[in-house]
Every structure is written in C-alpha cells, then in structure tokens.
Amino acid sequence: MAVNIDEGEPGTFKDRFYLERDPHRFLEGVLIAAHVVGCEAVYIYLRDEYPECRAILTQALAELQAAPELRGQLPKMELRRGAGAYICGEESAMIESIEGKRGEPRLRPPYIAERGLFGRPTLEHNFETLYWVREILERGPEWFASQGRHGRKGCAATA
C-alpha cells in the first residue's frame, strides 16, 4: 500500500493540519486498510517540506512499533520523502519516486492495482481517506455522509 501525503497543490495544507494534531488516527486508518486487503508493506510518501510532520510521524510510528500487543502483527511501514514535484500527486508518478526513480507517470495498462510498487499489486490512498476511517467505523457511514453541504456527502465536501 502506498499513501500520498505530498500535498503539492499551492496553498493546500489540510493533511498537515490533521497530521500535526492526531497522527495516530491516521495510522489506525492505515492499519485497518492494510489488514482488510492483506498488505505486507505500507509506504508513506510525505512532503519533504514538512519536517515537523516527519518528526511527528516518525515518533508515532516508533510508538506503534514498540507496542507489545502489536509486536509481530504490523505490516512493514516505511516513511519516504516526497520529491517536491507536483506530478508526484499522480499515483504512478508517486510510486516511481518511492522506488527511487524520476517521478513521472507510468503508461497504462498495467494499472498499479495489477503491477505497482516494486512490481507488486498496490493499493494507493491519500491521507484524508485513511484519517477518517476510525471515526466512520465508530459513528457509522450515515454520520459521515451527513457532514456535507449543498447536497454533497462527507467531510471533504464541506470545504
């Protein structure tokens, strides 16, 4: 699984805002998604211009990996530096960058769900999707859908 927290869009910082306040909520969403689909490894692609977030996420990952009740149950989790290129917001360009290559989109097919990161089938998510997983499970999908305005559903639609 690959998670994009690059936020290359000018003036965008919602992921940073949420990550700075509750990194464990995000990591819970990551672990739930990884468990549901049987991921062996998770690569978190974090914008390089967010050094404070890197420190926060590094600490949260260390706390998670040190939890005795989770020992041996977690997928491999790696934090990777974003390339600082807007194009890496596109899923296959992000994967190329994680692999250490120039971040350019791949030709399709094959799609990343078939042959993605390191030639393996890959599930790609963005930060915000995973951040809300825990709350949706706790409050239900009706709660999440009720957050929208002007006929839209969900939290992202309220901005």
Protein backbone atom coordinates (compact mmCIF):
# COMPACT_ATOMS: atom_id res chain seq x y z
CA MET A 1 0.00 0.00 0.00
CA ALA A 2 1.23 3.50 -0.79
CA VAL A 3 -0.12 6.59 0.97
CA ASN A 4 0.25 10.04 -0.56
CA ILE A 5 0.84 12.94 1.85
CA ASP A 6 2.66 15.15 -0.65
CA GLU A 7 0.09 17.98 -0.93
CA GLY A 8 1.71 19.63 -3.92
CA GLU A 9 -1.26 21.90 -4.64
CA PRO A 10 -0.32 25.52 -3.80
CA GLY A 11 -1.94 26.74 -0.59
CA THR A 12 -3.06 23.25 0.47
CA PHE A 13 -2.23 22.10 3.98
CA LYS A 14 -5.25 20.16 5.29
CA ASP A 15 -3.26 16.91 5.59
CA ARG A 16 -0.56 18.71 7.57
CA PHE A 17 -3.22 20.25 9.83
CA TYR A 18 -4.73 16.84 10.69
CA LEU A 19 -1.39 15.04 10.93
CA GLU A 20 0.02 17.54 13.40
CA ARG A 21 -2.99 17.09 15.67
CA ASP A 22 -3.64 13.33 15.61
CA PRO A 23 -1.11 11.16 13.80
CA HIS A 24 -2.40 8.00 15.50
CA ARG A 25 -5.87 8.43 13.98
CA PHE A 26 -4.23 8.38 10.55
CA LEU A 27 -2.10 5.34 11.45
CA GLU A 28 -5.17 3.47 12.71
CA GLY A 29 -6.79 4.04 9.31
CA VAL A 30 -3.62 2.80 7.61
CA LEU A 31 -3.58 -0.37 9.71
CA ILE A 32 -7.28 -1.05 9.14
CA ALA A 33 -6.91 -0.67 5.36
CA ALA A 34 -3.74 -2.78 5.33
CA HIS A 35 -5.42 -5.52 7.35
CA VAL A 36 -8.58 -5.58 5.23
CA VAL A 37 -6.67 -6.11 1.98
CA GLY A 38 -3.76 -8.12 3.44
CA CYS A 39 -0.92 -5.66 2.79
CA GLU A 40 2.56 -6.80 3.73
CA ALA A 41 4.10 -3.33 3.50
CA VAL A 42 3.00 0.29 3.69
CA TYR A 43 4.97 3.17 2.17
CA ILE A 44 4.01 6.64 3.39
CA TYR A 45 5.06 9.34 0.93
CA LEU A 46 5.40 12.57 2.93
CA ARG A 47 6.04 16.02 1.50
CA ASP A 48 9.68 16.89 2.15
CA GLU A 49 8.75 20.47 3.04
CA TYR A 50 7.01 19.17 6.20
CA PRO A 51 9.94 18.45 8.55
CA GLU A 52 7.76 18.90 11.66
CA CYS A 53 5.28 16.36 10.32
CA ARG A 54 8.15 13.98 9.57
CA ALA A 55 9.25 14.21 13.22
CA ILE A 56 5.67 13.72 14.47
CA LEU A 57 5.04 10.76 12.19
CA THR A 58 8.43 9.18 12.95
CA GLN A 59 7.63 9.35 16.67
CA ALA A 60 4.10 7.98 16.19
CA LEU A 61 5.42 5.09 14.07
CA ALA A 62 8.05 4.29 16.72
CA GLU A 63 5.34 4.26 19.42
CA LEU A 64 3.17 1.98 17.30
CA GLN A 65 6.01 -0.43 16.56
CA ALA A 66 7.04 -0.51 20.24
CA ALA A 67 3.56 -1.51 21.45
CA PRO A 68 3.98 -5.03 22.88
CA GLU A 69 0.42 -6.07 21.96
CA LEU A 70 1.16 -5.34 18.26
CA ARG A 71 4.57 -6.98 18.04
CA GLY A 72 4.71 -9.25 15.01
CA GLN A 73 1.28 -8.15 13.74
CA LEU A 74 2.15 -4.94 11.92
CA PRO A 75 2.99 -4.68 8.25
CA LYS A 76 6.38 -3.25 7.34
CA MET A 77 5.92 0.54 7.43
CA GLU A 78 8.31 2.97 5.74
CA LEU A 79 8.22 6.74 5.68
CA ARG A 80 9.53 8.08 2.34
CA ARG A 81 10.45 11.64 1.40
CA GLY A 82 8.33 13.33 -1.24
CA ALA A 83 10.24 14.55 -4.27
CA GLY A 84 8.73 18.04 -4.13
CA ALA A 85 7.27 17.61 -7.60
CA TYR A 86 3.61 18.40 -8.24
CA ILE A 87 3.37 15.49 -10.70
CA CYS A 88 4.04 13.01 -7.86
CA GLY A 89 0.44 13.55 -6.79
CA GLU A 90 -0.42 11.21 -9.64
CA GLU A 91 -0.33 7.69 -8.21
CA SER A 92 2.07 6.04 -10.63
CA ALA A 93 4.48 9.01 -10.53
CA MET A 94 4.48 8.76 -6.73
CA ILE A 95 5.29 5.06 -7.00
CA GLU A 96 8.15 5.77 -9.38
CA SER A 97 9.51 8.29 -6.84
CA ILE A 98 9.18 5.83 -3.93
CA GLU A 99 11.17 3.34 -5.99
CA GLY A 100 13.95 5.92 -6.35
CA LYS A 101 13.22 6.82 -9.95
CA ARG A 102 12.23 10.12 -11.52
CA GLY A 103 8.61 10.82 -10.57
CA GLU A 104 6.86 10.51 -13.91
CA PRO A 105 3.53 8.80 -14.64
CA ARG A 106 3.63 5.26 -16.00
CA LEU A 107 1.84 4.18 -19.16
CA ARG A 108 -1.33 2.18 -18.53
CA PRO A 109 -2.13 -0.66 -18.58
CA PRO A 110 -0.96 -2.22 -16.38
CA TYR A 111 -2.63 -0.28 -13.58
CA ILE A 112 -0.97 -0.08 -10.18
CA ALA A 113 -3.56 -2.46 -8.72
CA GLU A 114 -2.07 -5.07 -11.07
CA ARG A 115 1.61 -4.09 -11.08
CA GLY A 116 2.52 -1.19 -8.86
CA LEU A 117 5.17 -0.57 -6.22
CA PHE A 118 8.19 -2.80 -6.80
CA GLY A 119 6.17 -4.77 -9.38
CA ARG A 120 3.56 -5.85 -6.80
CA PRO A 121 -0.18 -5.10 -6.79
CA THR A 122 -0.56 -1.80 -4.94
CA LEU A 123 -3.40 -0.07 -3.15
CA GLU A 124 -2.92 3.72 -3.24
CA HIS A 125 -4.63 6.01 -0.74
CA ASN A 126 -4.49 9.63 0.24
CA PHE A 127 -4.05 10.82 3.81
CA GLU A 128 -7.55 12.17 4.36
CA THR A 129 -9.32 8.95 3.35
CA LEU A 130 -7.36 6.98 5.95
CA TYR A 131 -7.66 9.70 8.60
CA TRP A 132 -11.47 9.37 8.69
CA VAL A 133 -11.66 5.54 8.75
CA ARG A 134 -11.70 5.23 12.55
CA GLU A 135 -14.42 7.84 13.00
CA ILE A 136 -16.57 6.33 10.25
CA LEU A 137 -16.30 2.93 11.94
CA GLU A 138 -17.21 4.46 15.32
CA ARG A 139 -20.06 6.74 14.17
CA GLY A 140 -21.24 4.98 11.04
CA PRO A 141 -21.43 5.90 7.36
CA GLU A 142 -24.63 7.90 7.87
CA TRP A 143 -22.78 10.28 10.20
CA PHE A 144 -20.01 10.80 7.64
CA ALA A 145 -22.45 11.35 4.77
CA SER A 146 -24.37 13.91 6.86
CA GLN A 147 -21.29 16.19 7.11
CA GLY A 148 -21.57 17.56 3.59
CA ARG A 149 -23.22 20.78 2.48
CA HIS A 150 -25.21 21.75 -0.59
CA GLY A 151 -26.20 18.15 -1.37
CA ARG A 152 -22.67 16.79 -1.01
CA LYS A 153 -21.71 13.96 1.33
CA GLY A 154 -18.70 13.58 3.62
CA CYS A 155 -16.16 15.87 5.28
CA ALA A 156 -14.07 16.68 2.21
CA ALA A 157 -17.14 18.12 0.50
CA THR A 158 -17.65 20.73 3.24
CA ALA A 159 -14.55 22.81 2.40
